[in-house]
Structure formats: C-alpha cells, structure tokens
C-alpha cells in the first residue's frame, strides 16, 4: 500500500484526505476535510489548517507525499486558480507544504483518472447503447461546477491514458434564437463568452437573468445555491425553465466535445450533474447531444454514463499519483 494525502482544490472549496493506494492504483480515502477557499489567503495557509485538524484528531504525522487536483491548467511555473485568488509556485510547492513529493493534476484530469478506476456500478448508463469503454479510442469526461471541467481518456489496447484539456473555455455556440439573445446579453458583460459562462453552476443564474431580461419578466433574484434548489424541486417555474435551457446547452456542448474527442463514450461527472440525475433523462439534453446532422444516428448510439462518487475529485487525485 502507498499512503499519501489527496487534495482537490476548486474555486469554492478545498478538500483534503489521507489516501491508501493498492497495487492496482485504486485508492481508499480516509476522513475528508473541507475548507472554504475564500477563508484562506493561500494554499499553504489552508494546508496548515488541515495539518492542525489532523493532528488534533490524533491521526498522526502526515505522509510525505501529496497529489493535488487544481481547478486550472497545470504545467506552468506559476499556477493561478481559474476562479480563485490563490497562486502556487510549482517548483517550491513541496518545500512550502513540507513534503517530499508533490503530484499536480488538473481537476478534471483527476476526475478522468477516477472514471478509469471506478467499478461499473458507479457508472450507470443514462443514454445510448449499453457497451463498455472502447479498447481503442477516446472517452469524453465533462461536468459543470464552479466552471466547466473537461478531460479525455484515450484508450490504447485497453490501457487508459488521461489527457487534461481546457475544453470548458471553448466559445459558446448558440443553436436557436433564444440562445442568440442569451449570448448577446452575456456579451454586454464579458469580452468573450465561453461555454462555461453558461454550462456551469453560475451559468444557470446567467441563463435565468438573461431570459427574464429578454422576455421582460419579473423574477425573484436568487443566489446560485437557492436558484439551483428552486429549479430542481420545481418551486419556481421560471427557474425550472432556465434549467431546461441549461440542459439543452449542456447536451450541445457534450455532443461537440464527443465529436472532437472521437464519439465512443461520454461520462458526465461532478456534484451538480449528480443532483440532476433524475431530471436529465427527461430534459432536452440527449436531443441536443445527438443533433449533429449527418452524425445523428452515430451520436444516438454513444453511451453516456454518469460518474457516481461522493468525492470523485479526491479519489481521482489519489488515483493519479500512481502515474508519477
């Protein structure tokens, strides 16, 4: 067994846990500790709080290796989180945290590592043909959160190779007149409108406000968590209509990415997607996913699965460590 610390650093929350990896690289997570990113000036300060909480629990010394999933692109000397003020210097991070080994991965790269190791029961089929992942070919992984995470698993003779991407930052492509108007509304607020401005946690609120503005409707302004709850429990009809539009856009984006990666299989991941598990099958998601002209019949057959795991980012960060 290999013992490490797994960390999942998003734009909103930072999660840490001890992890043990077996000989196949499948992790077992210990107690998960969650911290608000906005409450700490830096990763080092948050890490110190985690270490203090671990010591207070009597868990003993921390392992001298950590695998960290960041919600941003990896590979630069200075790493700036996409939706946070935290800045990390990769070359000094091990010393800053007081460990010997640091593995850094993109957050959805970590999710892809998790998907490659999850059992079948954690990957239920939502749409398409019920067939396994390809022995050779690509699997698209995506899901909305603070932004829109996208990654790819390229299978080569059955062996998974995880590829990090920034697919959430592709340009948003409207497909009807309402989406043209939503795009125009957002262009008044942003220099460039990427897909994650719409297909993300905050994106639902942008859609909600845009639709209200376009239709001159009076609506109740809500914070993101309140709006998502109102949309999912159908307590606010206008919020529900915004969620319907959100799912149309989500399906369009998922289909475009599947075409780009090779339409073999798609996995939808993340907490928001899991919350939509009962809603997605009855939404316009799949209609938009497969609406790709001459490729419609092919897209209709593509297996679309949902990754079910309470801490998929931590699980994936730990799984990625064996790729060191």
C-alpha atoms as a PDB file:
ATOM      1  CA  UNK A   1       0.000   0.000   0.000  1.00  0.00           C
ATOM      2  CA  UNK A   2       1.114   3.565  -0.755  1.00  0.00           C
ATOM      3  CA  UNK A   3      -0.018   6.271   1.686  1.00  0.00           C
ATOM      4  CA  UNK A   4      -0.406   9.868   0.519  1.00  0.00           C
ATOM      5  CA  UNK A   5      -2.515  12.979   1.026  1.00  0.00           C
ATOM      6  CA  UNK A   6      -5.038  13.675  -1.742  1.00  0.00           C
ATOM      7  CA  UNK A   7      -6.226  17.239  -2.282  1.00  0.00           C
ATOM      8  CA  UNK A   8      -8.954  18.632  -4.516  1.00  0.00           C
ATOM      9  CA  UNK A   9      -8.657  22.417  -4.858  1.00  0.00           C
ATOM     10  CA  UNK A  10     -11.594  24.098  -6.574  1.00  0.00           C
ATOM     11  CA  UNK A  11     -12.683  27.672  -6.962  1.00  0.00           C
ATOM     12  CA  UNK A  12     -15.014  27.394  -3.946  1.00  0.00           C
ATOM     13  CA  UNK A  13     -13.806  24.547  -1.719  1.00  0.00           C
ATOM     14  CA  UNK A  14     -10.543  22.796  -0.876  1.00  0.00           C
ATOM     15  CA  UNK A  15     -10.788  19.157   0.179  1.00  0.00           C
ATOM     16  CA  UNK A  16      -8.070  17.008   1.754  1.00  0.00           C
ATOM     17  CA  UNK A  17      -7.927  13.366   2.827  1.00  0.00           C
ATOM     18  CA  UNK A  18      -5.438  10.646   3.588  1.00  0.00           C
ATOM     19  CA  UNK A  19      -5.445   8.010   0.850  1.00  0.00           C
ATOM     20  CA  UNK A  20      -4.103   4.472   0.573  1.00  0.00           C
ATOM     21  CA  UNK A  21      -3.449   3.030  -2.893  1.00  0.00           C
ATOM     22  CA  UNK A  22      -3.395  -0.698  -3.577  1.00  0.00           C
ATOM     23  CA  UNK A  23      -1.131  -2.411  -6.106  1.00  0.00           C
ATOM     24  CA  UNK A  24      -3.604  -1.595  -8.919  1.00  0.00           C
ATOM     25  CA  UNK A  25      -3.611   2.097  -8.004  1.00  0.00           C
ATOM     26  CA  UNK A  26      -7.178   2.041  -6.661  1.00  0.00           C
ATOM     27  CA  UNK A  27      -7.470   4.475  -3.725  1.00  0.00           C
ATOM     28  CA  UNK A  28      -9.201   4.154  -0.393  1.00  0.00           C
ATOM     29  CA  UNK A  29      -9.930   7.544   1.168  1.00  0.00           C
ATOM     30  CA  UNK A  30      -9.838   8.407   4.849  1.00  0.00           C
ATOM     31  CA  UNK A  31     -11.682  11.230   6.588  1.00  0.00           C
ATOM     32  CA  UNK A  32     -12.406  14.089   4.181  1.00  0.00           C
ATOM     33  CA  UNK A  33     -11.839  17.622   5.456  1.00  0.00           C
ATOM     34  CA  UNK A  34     -13.361  20.544   3.546  1.00  0.00           C
ATOM     35  CA  UNK A  35     -12.382  24.221   3.733  1.00  0.00           C
ATOM     36  CA  UNK A  36     -13.706  27.362   2.043  1.00  0.00           C
ATOM     37  CA  UNK A  37     -11.043  28.702  -0.315  1.00  0.00           C
ATOM     38  CA  UNK A  38     -12.165  32.284   0.374  1.00  0.00           C
ATOM     39  CA  UNK A  39     -11.370  31.829   4.089  1.00  0.00           C
ATOM     40  CA  UNK A  40      -7.623  31.372   3.471  1.00  0.00           C
ATOM     41  CA  UNK A  41      -5.093  33.638   1.747  1.00  0.00           C
ATOM     42  CA  UNK A  42      -3.130  30.769   0.200  1.00  0.00           C
ATOM     43  CA  UNK A  43      -2.862  27.026  -0.273  1.00  0.00           C
ATOM     44  CA  UNK A  44      -0.131  26.941   2.372  1.00  0.00           C
ATOM     45  CA  UNK A  45      -2.459  28.515   4.948  1.00  0.00           C
ATOM     46  CA  UNK A  46      -5.226  26.060   4.126  1.00  0.00           C
ATOM     47  CA  UNK A  47      -2.781  23.129   4.255  1.00  0.00           C
ATOM     48  CA  UNK A  48      -1.649  24.283   7.704  1.00  0.00           C
ATOM     49  CA  UNK A  49      -5.272  24.279   8.892  1.00  0.00           C
ATOM     50  CA  UNK A  50      -5.715  20.742   7.550  1.00  0.00           C
ATOM     51  CA  UNK A  51      -2.493  19.561   9.234  1.00  0.00           C
ATOM     52  CA  UNK A  52      -3.631  21.129  12.516  1.00  0.00           C
ATOM     53  CA  UNK A  53      -7.036  19.430  12.291  1.00  0.00           C
ATOM     54  CA  UNK A  54      -5.386  16.075  11.524  1.00  0.00           C
ATOM     55  CA  UNK A  55      -3.052  16.454  14.498  1.00  0.00           C
ATOM     56  CA  UNK A  56      -5.942  17.381  16.786  1.00  0.00           C
ATOM     57  CA  UNK A  57      -7.796  14.223  15.722  1.00  0.00           C
ATOM     58  CA  UNK A  58      -4.863  12.047  16.766  1.00  0.00           C
ATOM     59  CA  UNK A  59      -4.319  10.779  13.225  1.00  0.00           C
ATOM     60  CA  UNK A  60      -0.539  11.073  13.487  1.00  0.00           C
ATOM     61  CA  UNK A  61       2.017  12.588  11.155  1.00  0.00           C
ATOM     62  CA  UNK A  62       1.041  13.365   7.596  1.00  0.00           C
ATOM     63  CA  UNK A  63       2.510  11.244   4.775  1.00  0.00           C
ATOM     64  CA  UNK A  64       5.364  12.941   2.911  1.00  0.00           C
ATOM     65  CA  UNK A  65       3.625  12.765  -0.482  1.00  0.00           C
ATOM     66  CA  UNK A  66       0.634  14.674  -1.800  1.00  0.00           C
ATOM     67  CA  UNK A  67      -1.348  14.538  -5.034  1.00  0.00           C
ATOM     68  CA  UNK A  68      -3.263  17.741  -5.744  1.00  0.00           C
ATOM     69  CA  UNK A  69      -6.027  18.376  -8.267  1.00  0.00           C
ATOM     70  CA  UNK A  70      -6.316  22.065  -9.196  1.00  0.00           C
ATOM     71  CA  UNK A  71      -9.195  23.805 -10.960  1.00  0.00           C
ATOM     72  CA  UNK A  72      -6.903  25.300 -13.602  1.00  0.00           C
ATOM     73  CA  UNK A  73      -4.376  24.384 -16.270  1.00  0.00           C
ATOM     74  CA  UNK A  74      -1.260  22.618 -14.978  1.00  0.00           C
ATOM     75  CA  UNK A  75       2.259  22.741 -16.423  1.00  0.00           C
ATOM     76  CA  UNK A  76       3.172  26.359 -15.800  1.00  0.00           C
ATOM     77  CA  UNK A  77       5.768  27.519 -13.280  1.00  0.00           C
ATOM     78  CA  UNK A  78       3.203  29.770 -11.612  1.00  0.00           C
ATOM     79  CA  UNK A  79      -0.280  28.277 -11.251  1.00  0.00           C
ATOM     80  CA  UNK A  80      -3.224  30.655 -10.851  1.00  0.00           C
ATOM     81  CA  UNK A  81      -6.562  29.083  -9.987  1.00  0.00           C
ATOM     82  CA  UNK A  82      -9.186  29.956 -12.594  1.00  0.00           C
ATOM     83  CA  UNK A  83     -11.879  31.024 -10.123  1.00  0.00           C
ATOM     84  CA  UNK A  84      -9.813  31.897  -7.044  1.00  0.00           C
ATOM     85  CA  UNK A  85      -7.095  34.334  -5.966  1.00  0.00           C
ATOM     86  CA  UNK A  86      -4.705  31.555  -4.884  1.00  0.00           C
ATOM     87  CA  UNK A  87      -1.353  31.460  -6.693  1.00  0.00           C
ATOM     88  CA  UNK A  88       1.012  28.464  -6.434  1.00  0.00           C
ATOM     89  CA  UNK A  89       4.655  28.127  -7.493  1.00  0.00           C
ATOM     90  CA  UNK A  90       5.098  24.558  -8.703  1.00  0.00           C
ATOM     91  CA  UNK A  91       8.882  24.475  -8.182  1.00  0.00           C
ATOM     92  CA  UNK A  92       8.683  25.410  -4.489  1.00  0.00           C
ATOM     93  CA  UNK A  93       5.389  23.753  -3.537  1.00  0.00           C
ATOM     94  CA  UNK A  94       6.920  20.662  -1.921  1.00  0.00           C
ATOM     95  CA  UNK A  95       9.041  22.848   0.370  1.00  0.00           C
ATOM     96  CA  UNK A  96       6.096  25.167   1.038  1.00  0.00           C
ATOM     97  CA  UNK A  97       3.981  22.226   2.213  1.00  0.00           C
ATOM     98  CA  UNK A  98       6.812  20.377   3.954  1.00  0.00           C
ATOM     99  CA  UNK A  99       6.562  17.179   1.897  1.00  0.00           C
ATOM    100  CA  UNK A 100       8.982  15.206  -0.255  1.00  0.00           C
ATOM    101  CA  UNK A 101       6.789  14.520  -3.297  1.00  0.00           C
ATOM    102  CA  UNK A 102       4.065  16.550  -4.992  1.00  0.00           C
ATOM    103  CA  UNK A 103       1.948  15.393  -7.943  1.00  0.00           C
ATOM    104  CA  UNK A 104      -0.127  18.104  -9.665  1.00  0.00           C
ATOM    105  CA  UNK A 105      -3.085  17.413 -11.945  1.00  0.00           C
ATOM    106  CA  UNK A 106      -5.923  19.417 -13.447  1.00  0.00           C
ATOM    107  CA  UNK A 107      -9.210  18.905 -11.575  1.00  0.00           C
ATOM    108  CA  UNK A 108     -10.976  17.138 -14.418  1.00  0.00           C
ATOM    109  CA  UNK A 109      -7.816  15.241 -15.272  1.00  0.00           C
ATOM    110  CA  UNK A 110      -8.251  13.834 -11.752  1.00  0.00           C
ATOM    111  CA  UNK A 111     -11.905  13.040 -12.457  1.00  0.00           C
ATOM    112  CA  UNK A 112     -10.819  11.156 -15.582  1.00  0.00           C
ATOM    113  CA  UNK A 113      -8.338   9.122 -13.517  1.00  0.00           C
ATOM    114  CA  UNK A 114     -11.214   8.321 -11.169  1.00  0.00           C
ATOM    115  CA  UNK A 115     -13.504   7.269 -14.024  1.00  0.00           C
ATOM    116  CA  UNK A 116     -10.815   4.911 -15.369  1.00  0.00           C
ATOM    117  CA  UNK A 117     -10.818   3.104 -11.994  1.00  0.00           C
ATOM    118  CA  UNK A 118     -14.476   3.241 -10.923  1.00  0.00           C
ATOM    119  CA  UNK A 119     -16.429  -0.037 -10.956  1.00  0.00           C
ATOM    120  CA  UNK A 120     -19.365  -0.438 -13.360  1.00  0.00           C
ATOM    121  CA  UNK A 121     -21.931   0.177 -10.630  1.00  0.00           C
ATOM    122  CA  UNK A 122     -20.534   3.692 -10.218  1.00  0.00           C
ATOM    123  CA  UNK A 123     -21.023   4.429 -13.926  1.00  0.00           C
ATOM    124  CA  UNK A 124     -24.753   3.950 -14.644  1.00  0.00           C
ATOM    125  CA  UNK A 125     -25.957   4.423 -18.233  1.00  0.00           C
ATOM    126  CA  UNK A 126     -28.112   7.495 -18.959  1.00  0.00           C
ATOM    127  CA  UNK A 127     -28.416   7.394 -22.769  1.00  0.00           C
ATOM    128  CA  UNK A 128     -27.181   5.434 -25.780  1.00  0.00           C
ATOM    129  CA  UNK A 129     -26.056   1.841 -26.181  1.00  0.00           C
ATOM    130  CA  UNK A 130     -25.003  -0.116 -23.106  1.00  0.00           C
ATOM    131  CA  UNK A 131     -21.490  -1.075 -24.166  1.00  0.00           C
ATOM    132  CA  UNK A 132     -18.115  -0.851 -22.384  1.00  0.00           C
ATOM    133  CA  UNK A 133     -15.484   1.807 -22.907  1.00  0.00           C
ATOM    134  CA  UNK A 134     -13.600   1.301 -26.194  1.00  0.00           C
ATOM    135  CA  UNK A 135     -10.453  -0.807 -26.249  1.00  0.00           C
ATOM    136  CA  UNK A 136      -9.023   1.839 -28.585  1.00  0.00           C
ATOM    137  CA  UNK A 137     -10.435   5.359 -28.720  1.00  0.00           C
ATOM    138  CA  UNK A 138     -11.447   8.355 -26.689  1.00  0.00           C
ATOM    139  CA  UNK A 139     -13.855   8.827 -23.780  1.00  0.00           C
ATOM    140  CA  UNK A 140     -15.016  12.369 -23.039  1.00  0.00           C
ATOM    141  CA  UNK A 141     -15.357  13.405 -19.389  1.00  0.00           C
ATOM    142  CA  UNK A 142     -17.161  16.636 -18.520  1.00  0.00           C
ATOM    143  CA  UNK A 143     -19.241  18.284 -15.867  1.00  0.00           C
ATOM    144  CA  UNK A 144     -20.357  21.697 -14.601  1.00  0.00           C
ATOM    145  CA  UNK A 145     -19.171  23.058 -11.276  1.00  0.00           C
ATOM    146  CA  UNK A 146     -17.679  26.452 -10.480  1.00  0.00           C
ATOM    147  CA  UNK A 147     -16.657  26.269 -14.161  1.00  0.00           C
ATOM    148  CA  UNK A 148     -16.993  23.545 -16.800  1.00  0.00           C
ATOM    149  CA  UNK A 149     -14.467  20.762 -16.412  1.00  0.00           C
ATOM    150  CA  UNK A 150     -13.423  18.712 -19.449  1.00  0.00           C
ATOM    151  CA  UNK A 151     -10.921  15.870 -19.830  1.00  0.00           C
ATOM    152  CA  UNK A 152     -10.354  12.857 -22.050  1.00  0.00           C
ATOM    153  CA  UNK A 153      -9.332   9.237 -21.573  1.00  0.00           C
ATOM    154  CA  UNK A 154      -7.542   7.873 -24.638  1.00  0.00           C
ATOM    155  CA  UNK A 155      -7.619   4.064 -24.568  1.00  0.00           C
ATOM    156  CA  UNK A 156      -4.779   2.276 -26.341  1.00  0.00           C
ATOM    157  CA  UNK A 157      -5.166  -1.502 -26.444  1.00  0.00           C
ATOM    158  CA  UNK A 158      -7.266  -1.259 -23.278  1.00  0.00           C
ATOM    159  CA  UNK A 159      -4.802   0.921 -21.376  1.00  0.00           C
ATOM    160  CA  UNK A 160      -6.154   4.338 -20.315  1.00  0.00           C
ATOM    161  CA  UNK A 161      -4.134   7.482 -20.966  1.00  0.00           C
ATOM    162  CA  UNK A 162      -5.643  10.529 -19.257  1.00  0.00           C
ATOM    163  CA  UNK A 163      -5.396  13.836 -21.101  1.00  0.00           C
ATOM    164  CA  UNK A 164      -6.127  17.165 -19.433  1.00  0.00           C
ATOM    165  CA  UNK A 165      -7.965  19.775 -21.512  1.00  0.00           C
ATOM    166  CA  UNK A 166      -9.433  23.245 -21.128  1.00  0.00           C
ATOM    167  CA  UNK A 167     -12.484  22.393 -23.237  1.00  0.00           C
ATOM    168  CA  UNK A 168     -14.752  24.414 -20.963  1.00  0.00           C
ATOM    169  CA  UNK A 169     -13.220  27.576 -22.412  1.00  0.00           C
ATOM    170  CA  UNK A 170     -14.310  26.949 -25.993  1.00  0.00           C
ATOM    171  CA  UNK A 171     -16.577  29.610 -27.499  1.00  0.00           C
ATOM    172  CA  UNK A 172     -20.272  29.146 -26.766  1.00  0.00           C
ATOM    173  CA  UNK A 173     -22.235  28.299 -29.939  1.00  0.00           C
ATOM    174  CA  UNK A 174     -25.958  29.232 -29.822  1.00  0.00           C
ATOM    175  CA  UNK A 175     -28.350  26.965 -31.710  1.00  0.00           C
ATOM    176  CA  UNK A 176     -31.608  28.922 -31.725  1.00  0.00           C
ATOM    177  CA  UNK A 177     -32.878  32.494 -31.467  1.00  0.00           C
ATOM    178  CA  UNK A 178     -33.224  32.452 -27.682  1.00  0.00           C
ATOM    179  CA  UNK A 179     -29.612  31.323 -27.276  1.00  0.00           C
ATOM    180  CA  UNK A 180     -28.543  34.042 -29.722  1.00  0.00           C
ATOM    181  CA  UNK A 181     -30.201  36.554 -27.400  1.00  0.00           C
ATOM    182  CA  UNK A 182     -28.665  34.965 -24.299  1.00  0.00           C
ATOM    183  CA  UNK A 183     -25.267  35.220 -25.973  1.00  0.00           C
ATOM    184  CA  UNK A 184     -25.884  38.903 -26.793  1.00  0.00           C
ATOM    185  CA  UNK A 185     -26.898  39.523 -23.157  1.00  0.00           C
ATOM    186  CA  UNK A 186     -23.657  37.966 -21.903  1.00  0.00           C
ATOM    187  CA  UNK A 187     -21.527  39.802 -24.459  1.00  0.00           C
ATOM    188  CA  UNK A 188     -22.593  43.031 -22.748  1.00  0.00           C
ATOM    189  CA  UNK A 189     -20.977  41.682 -19.571  1.00  0.00           C
ATOM    190  CA  UNK A 190     -17.926  39.790 -20.844  1.00  0.00           C
ATOM    191  CA  UNK A 191     -15.401  40.390 -23.579  1.00  0.00           C
ATOM    192  CA  UNK A 192     -15.711  36.742 -24.635  1.00  0.00           C
ATOM    193  CA  UNK A 193     -18.417  34.203 -23.824  1.00  0.00           C
ATOM    194  CA  UNK A 194     -17.069  30.691 -23.299  1.00  0.00           C
ATOM    195  CA  UNK A 195     -19.190  27.577 -22.831  1.00  0.00           C
ATOM    196  CA  UNK A 196     -18.579  27.615 -19.076  1.00  0.00           C
ATOM    197  CA  UNK A 197     -20.293  31.004 -18.767  1.00  0.00           C
ATOM    198  CA  UNK A 198     -23.489  29.060 -19.470  1.00  0.00           C
ATOM    199  CA  UNK A 199     -22.780  25.394 -18.672  1.00  0.00           C
ATOM    200  CA  UNK A 200     -21.593  25.766 -15.070  1.00  0.00           C
ATOM    201  CA  UNK A 201     -23.005  26.352 -11.611  1.00  0.00           C
ATOM    202  CA  UNK A 202     -23.107  30.162 -12.042  1.00  0.00           C
ATOM    203  CA  UNK A 203     -24.286  29.663 -15.626  1.00  0.00           C
ATOM    204  CA  UNK A 204     -27.815  28.790 -14.517  1.00  0.00           C
ATOM    205  CA  UNK A 205     -28.143  32.249 -12.983  1.00  0.00           C
ATOM    206  CA  UNK A 206     -26.870  33.904 -16.170  1.00  0.00           C
ATOM    207  CA  UNK A 207     -29.478  31.999 -18.174  1.00  0.00           C
ATOM    208  CA  UNK A 208     -32.192  32.879 -15.634  1.00  0.00           C
ATOM    209  CA  UNK A 209     -31.389  36.603 -15.695  1.00  0.00           C
ATOM    210  CA  UNK A 210     -30.918  36.671 -19.454  1.00  0.00           C
ATOM    211  CA  UNK A 211     -34.276  35.002 -20.108  1.00  0.00           C
ATOM    212  CA  UNK A 212     -36.001  37.403 -17.713  1.00  0.00           C
ATOM    213  CA  UNK A 213     -34.381  40.401 -19.395  1.00  0.00           C
ATOM    214  CA  UNK A 214     -35.191  39.137 -22.895  1.00  0.00           C
ATOM    215  CA  UNK A 215     -38.840  38.452 -22.035  1.00  0.00           C
ATOM    216  CA  UNK A 216     -39.278  41.482 -19.747  1.00  0.00           C
ATOM    217  CA  UNK A 217     -40.337  39.097 -16.975  1.00  0.00           C
ATOM    218  CA  UNK A 218     -40.331  39.977 -13.290  1.00  0.00           C
ATOM    219  CA  UNK A 219     -38.399  37.327 -11.371  1.00  0.00           C
ATOM    220  CA  UNK A 220     -37.001  36.906  -7.898  1.00  0.00           C
ATOM    221  CA  UNK A 221     -33.223  37.326  -7.823  1.00  0.00           C
ATOM    222  CA  UNK A 222     -31.557  34.411  -6.044  1.00  0.00           C
ATOM    223  CA  UNK A 223     -28.049  33.306  -5.160  1.00  0.00           C
ATOM    224  CA  UNK A 224     -26.754  30.307  -7.103  1.00  0.00           C
ATOM    225  CA  UNK A 225     -27.482  27.604  -4.467  1.00  0.00           C
ATOM    226  CA  UNK A 226     -31.019  28.905  -3.903  1.00  0.00           C
ATOM    227  CA  UNK A 227     -31.698  29.077  -7.637  1.00  0.00           C
ATOM    228  CA  UNK A 228     -30.447  25.551  -8.264  1.00  0.00           C
ATOM    229  CA  UNK A 229     -32.666  24.234  -5.477  1.00  0.00           C
ATOM    230  CA  UNK A 230     -35.704  26.110  -6.802  1.00  0.00           C
ATOM    231  CA  UNK A 231     -35.050  24.766 -10.305  1.00  0.00           C
ATOM    232  CA  UNK A 232     -34.571  21.173  -9.223  1.00  0.00           C
ATOM    233  CA  UNK A 233     -37.551  20.995  -6.850  1.00  0.00           C
ATOM    234  CA  UNK A 234     -39.731  22.949  -9.346  1.00  0.00           C
ATOM    235  CA  UNK A 235     -40.764  25.510  -6.728  1.00  0.00           C
ATOM    236  CA  UNK A 236     -40.113  28.358  -9.176  1.00  0.00           C
ATOM    237  CA  UNK A 237     -41.420  27.822 -12.744  1.00  0.00           C
ATOM    238  CA  UNK A 238     -39.028  30.381 -14.246  1.00  0.00           C
ATOM    239  CA  UNK A 239     -36.034  28.741 -12.541  1.00  0.00           C
ATOM    240  CA  UNK A 240     -37.250  25.422 -13.935  1.00  0.00           C
ATOM    241  CA  UNK A 241     -37.420  26.911 -17.431  1.00  0.00           C
ATOM    242  CA  UNK A 242     -33.848  28.172 -17.029  1.00  0.00           C
ATOM    243  CA  UNK A 243     -32.761  24.657 -16.020  1.00  0.00           C
ATOM    244  CA  UNK A 244     -34.449  23.237 -19.139  1.00  0.00           C
ATOM    245  CA  UNK A 245     -32.401  25.655 -21.251  1.00  0.00           C
ATOM    246  CA  UNK A 246     -29.277  24.792 -19.254  1.00  0.00           C
ATOM    247  CA  UNK A 247     -29.731  21.102 -20.116  1.00  0.00           C
ATOM    248  CA  UNK A 248     -30.175  21.898 -23.805  1.00  0.00           C
ATOM    249  CA  UNK A 249     -26.869  23.792 -23.782  1.00  0.00           C
ATOM    250  CA  UNK A 250     -25.194  21.056 -21.714  1.00  0.00           C
ATOM    251  CA  UNK A 251     -26.233  18.457 -24.288  1.00  0.00           C
ATOM    252  CA  UNK A 252     -24.979  20.573 -27.191  1.00  0.00           C
ATOM    253  CA  UNK A 253     -21.585  21.102 -25.583  1.00  0.00           C
ATOM    254  CA  UNK A 254     -21.251  17.424 -24.602  1.00  0.00           C
ATOM    255  CA  UNK A 255     -22.011  16.374 -28.171  1.00  0.00           C
ATOM    256  CA  UNK A 256     -19.496  18.811 -29.657  1.00  0.00           C
ATOM    257  CA  UNK A 257     -16.770  17.600 -27.308  1.00  0.00           C
ATOM    258  CA  UNK A 258     -17.575  13.952 -28.041  1.00  0.00           C
ATOM    259  CA  UNK A 259     -17.193  14.632 -31.762  1.00  0.00           C
ATOM    260  CA  UNK A 260     -13.863  16.364 -31.136  1.00  0.00           C
ATOM    261  CA  UNK A 261     -12.504  13.527 -28.981  1.00  0.00           C
ATOM    262  CA  UNK A 262     -13.988  10.691 -31.022  1.00  0.00           C
ATOM    263  CA  UNK A 263     -17.623   9.708 -30.282  1.00  0.00           C
ATOM    264  CA  UNK A 264     -17.069   6.441 -28.421  1.00  0.00           C
ATOM    265  CA  UNK A 265     -18.351   7.226 -24.901  1.00  0.00           C
ATOM    266  CA  UNK A 266     -19.136  10.170 -22.628  1.00  0.00           C
ATOM    267  CA  UNK A 267     -19.119  10.377 -18.837  1.00  0.00           C
ATOM    268  CA  UNK A 268     -20.905  13.212 -17.024  1.00  0.00           C
ATOM    269  CA  UNK A 269     -19.350  13.955 -13.646  1.00  0.00           C
ATOM    270  CA  UNK A 270     -19.490  16.288 -10.671  1.00  0.00           C
ATOM    271  CA  UNK A 271     -21.866  17.172  -7.883  1.00  0.00           C
ATOM    272  CA  UNK A 272     -24.252  19.271  -9.988  1.00  0.00           C
ATOM    273  CA  UNK A 273     -24.636  16.502 -12.546  1.00  0.00           C
ATOM    274  CA  UNK A 274     -25.396  14.020  -9.779  1.00  0.00           C
ATOM    275  CA  UNK A 275     -28.077  16.392  -8.456  1.00  0.00           C
ATOM    276  CA  UNK A 276     -29.624  16.401 -11.955  1.00  0.00           C
ATOM    277  CA  UNK A 277     -29.647  12.604 -12.198  1.00  0.00           C
ATOM    278  CA  UNK A 278     -33.460  12.332 -12.143  1.00  0.00           C
ATOM    279  CA  UNK A 279     -34.001  15.444 -14.283  1.00  0.00           C
ATOM    280  CA  UNK A 280     -31.530  14.910 -17.126  1.00  0.00           C
ATOM    281  CA  UNK A 281     -33.258  11.875 -18.723  1.00  0.00           C
ATOM    282  CA  UNK A 282     -36.481  13.907 -19.137  1.00  0.00           C
ATOM    283  CA  UNK A 283     -34.759  17.077 -20.348  1.00  0.00           C
ATOM    284  CA  UNK A 284     -33.643  18.071 -23.824  1.00  0.00           C
ATOM    285  CA  UNK A 285     -30.050  17.029 -23.086  1.00  0.00           C
ATOM    286  CA  UNK A 286     -29.972  13.950 -25.315  1.00  0.00           C
ATOM    287  CA  UNK A 287     -31.949  15.550 -28.144  1.00  0.00           C
ATOM    288  CA  UNK A 288     -29.308  18.264 -28.381  1.00  0.00           C
ATOM    289  CA  UNK A 289     -26.419  15.830 -27.837  1.00  0.00           C
ATOM    290  CA  UNK A 290     -27.333  13.747 -30.872  1.00  0.00           C
ATOM    291  CA  UNK A 291     -28.477  16.657 -33.088  1.00  0.00           C
ATOM    292  CA  UNK A 292     -25.272  16.670 -35.165  1.00  0.00           C
ATOM    293  CA  UNK A 293     -26.619  16.493 -38.708  1.00  0.00           C
ATOM    294  CA  UNK A 294     -25.156  13.617 -40.702  1.00  0.00           C
ATOM    295  CA  UNK A 295     -23.789  12.048 -37.492  1.00  0.00           C
ATOM    296  CA  UNK A 296     -27.141  11.939 -35.660  1.00  0.00           C
ATOM    297  CA  UNK A 297     -27.541   8.148 -35.776  1.00  0.00           C
ATOM    298  CA  UNK A 298     -23.963   7.651 -34.581  1.00  0.00           C
ATOM    299  CA  UNK A 299     -24.404  10.155 -31.742  1.00  0.00           C
ATOM    300  CA  UNK A 300     -27.656   8.490 -30.649  1.00  0.00           C
ATOM    301  CA  UNK A 301     -25.746   5.250 -30.012  1.00  0.00           C
ATOM    302  CA  UNK A 302     -22.903   6.797 -27.981  1.00  0.00           C
ATOM    303  CA  UNK A 303     -23.048   5.561 -24.364  1.00  0.00           C
ATOM    304  CA  UNK A 304     -23.485   8.475 -21.948  1.00  0.00           C
ATOM    305  CA  UNK A 305     -22.823   7.491 -18.350  1.00  0.00           C
ATOM    306  CA  UNK A 306     -22.862   9.321 -15.042  1.00  0.00           C
ATOM    307  CA  UNK A 307     -19.965   9.024 -12.601  1.00  0.00           C
ATOM    308  CA  UNK A 308     -21.325   8.439  -9.102  1.00  0.00           C
ATOM    309  CA  UNK A 309     -18.920   9.116  -6.243  1.00  0.00           C
ATOM    310  CA  UNK A 310     -19.216  11.461  -3.256  1.00  0.00           C
ATOM    311  CA  UNK A 311     -15.591  12.627  -3.540  1.00  0.00           C
ATOM    312  CA  UNK A 312     -14.624  11.927  -7.124  1.00  0.00           C
ATOM    313  CA  UNK A 313     -12.030  14.743  -7.229  1.00  0.00           C
ATOM    314  CA  UNK A 314     -10.146  13.384  -4.213  1.00  0.00           C
ATOM    315  CA  UNK A 315     -10.497   9.804  -5.427  1.00  0.00           C
ATOM    316  CA  UNK A 316      -9.105  10.836  -8.801  1.00  0.00           C
ATOM    317  CA  UNK A 317      -6.280  12.928  -7.375  1.00  0.00           C
ATOM    318  CA  UNK A 318      -5.177   9.916  -5.358  1.00  0.00           C
ATOM    319  CA  UNK A 319      -5.505   7.589  -8.373  1.00  0.00           C
ATOM    320  CA  UNK A 320      -3.379   9.958 -10.451  1.00  0.00           C
ATOM    321  CA  UNK A 321      -0.465   9.617  -8.044  1.00  0.00           C
ATOM    322  CA  UNK A 322       0.475   6.208  -9.427  1.00  0.00           C
ATOM    323  CA  UNK A 323       1.111   7.863 -12.774  1.00  0.00           C
ATOM    324  CA  UNK A 324       4.099   9.616 -11.148  1.00  0.00           C
END
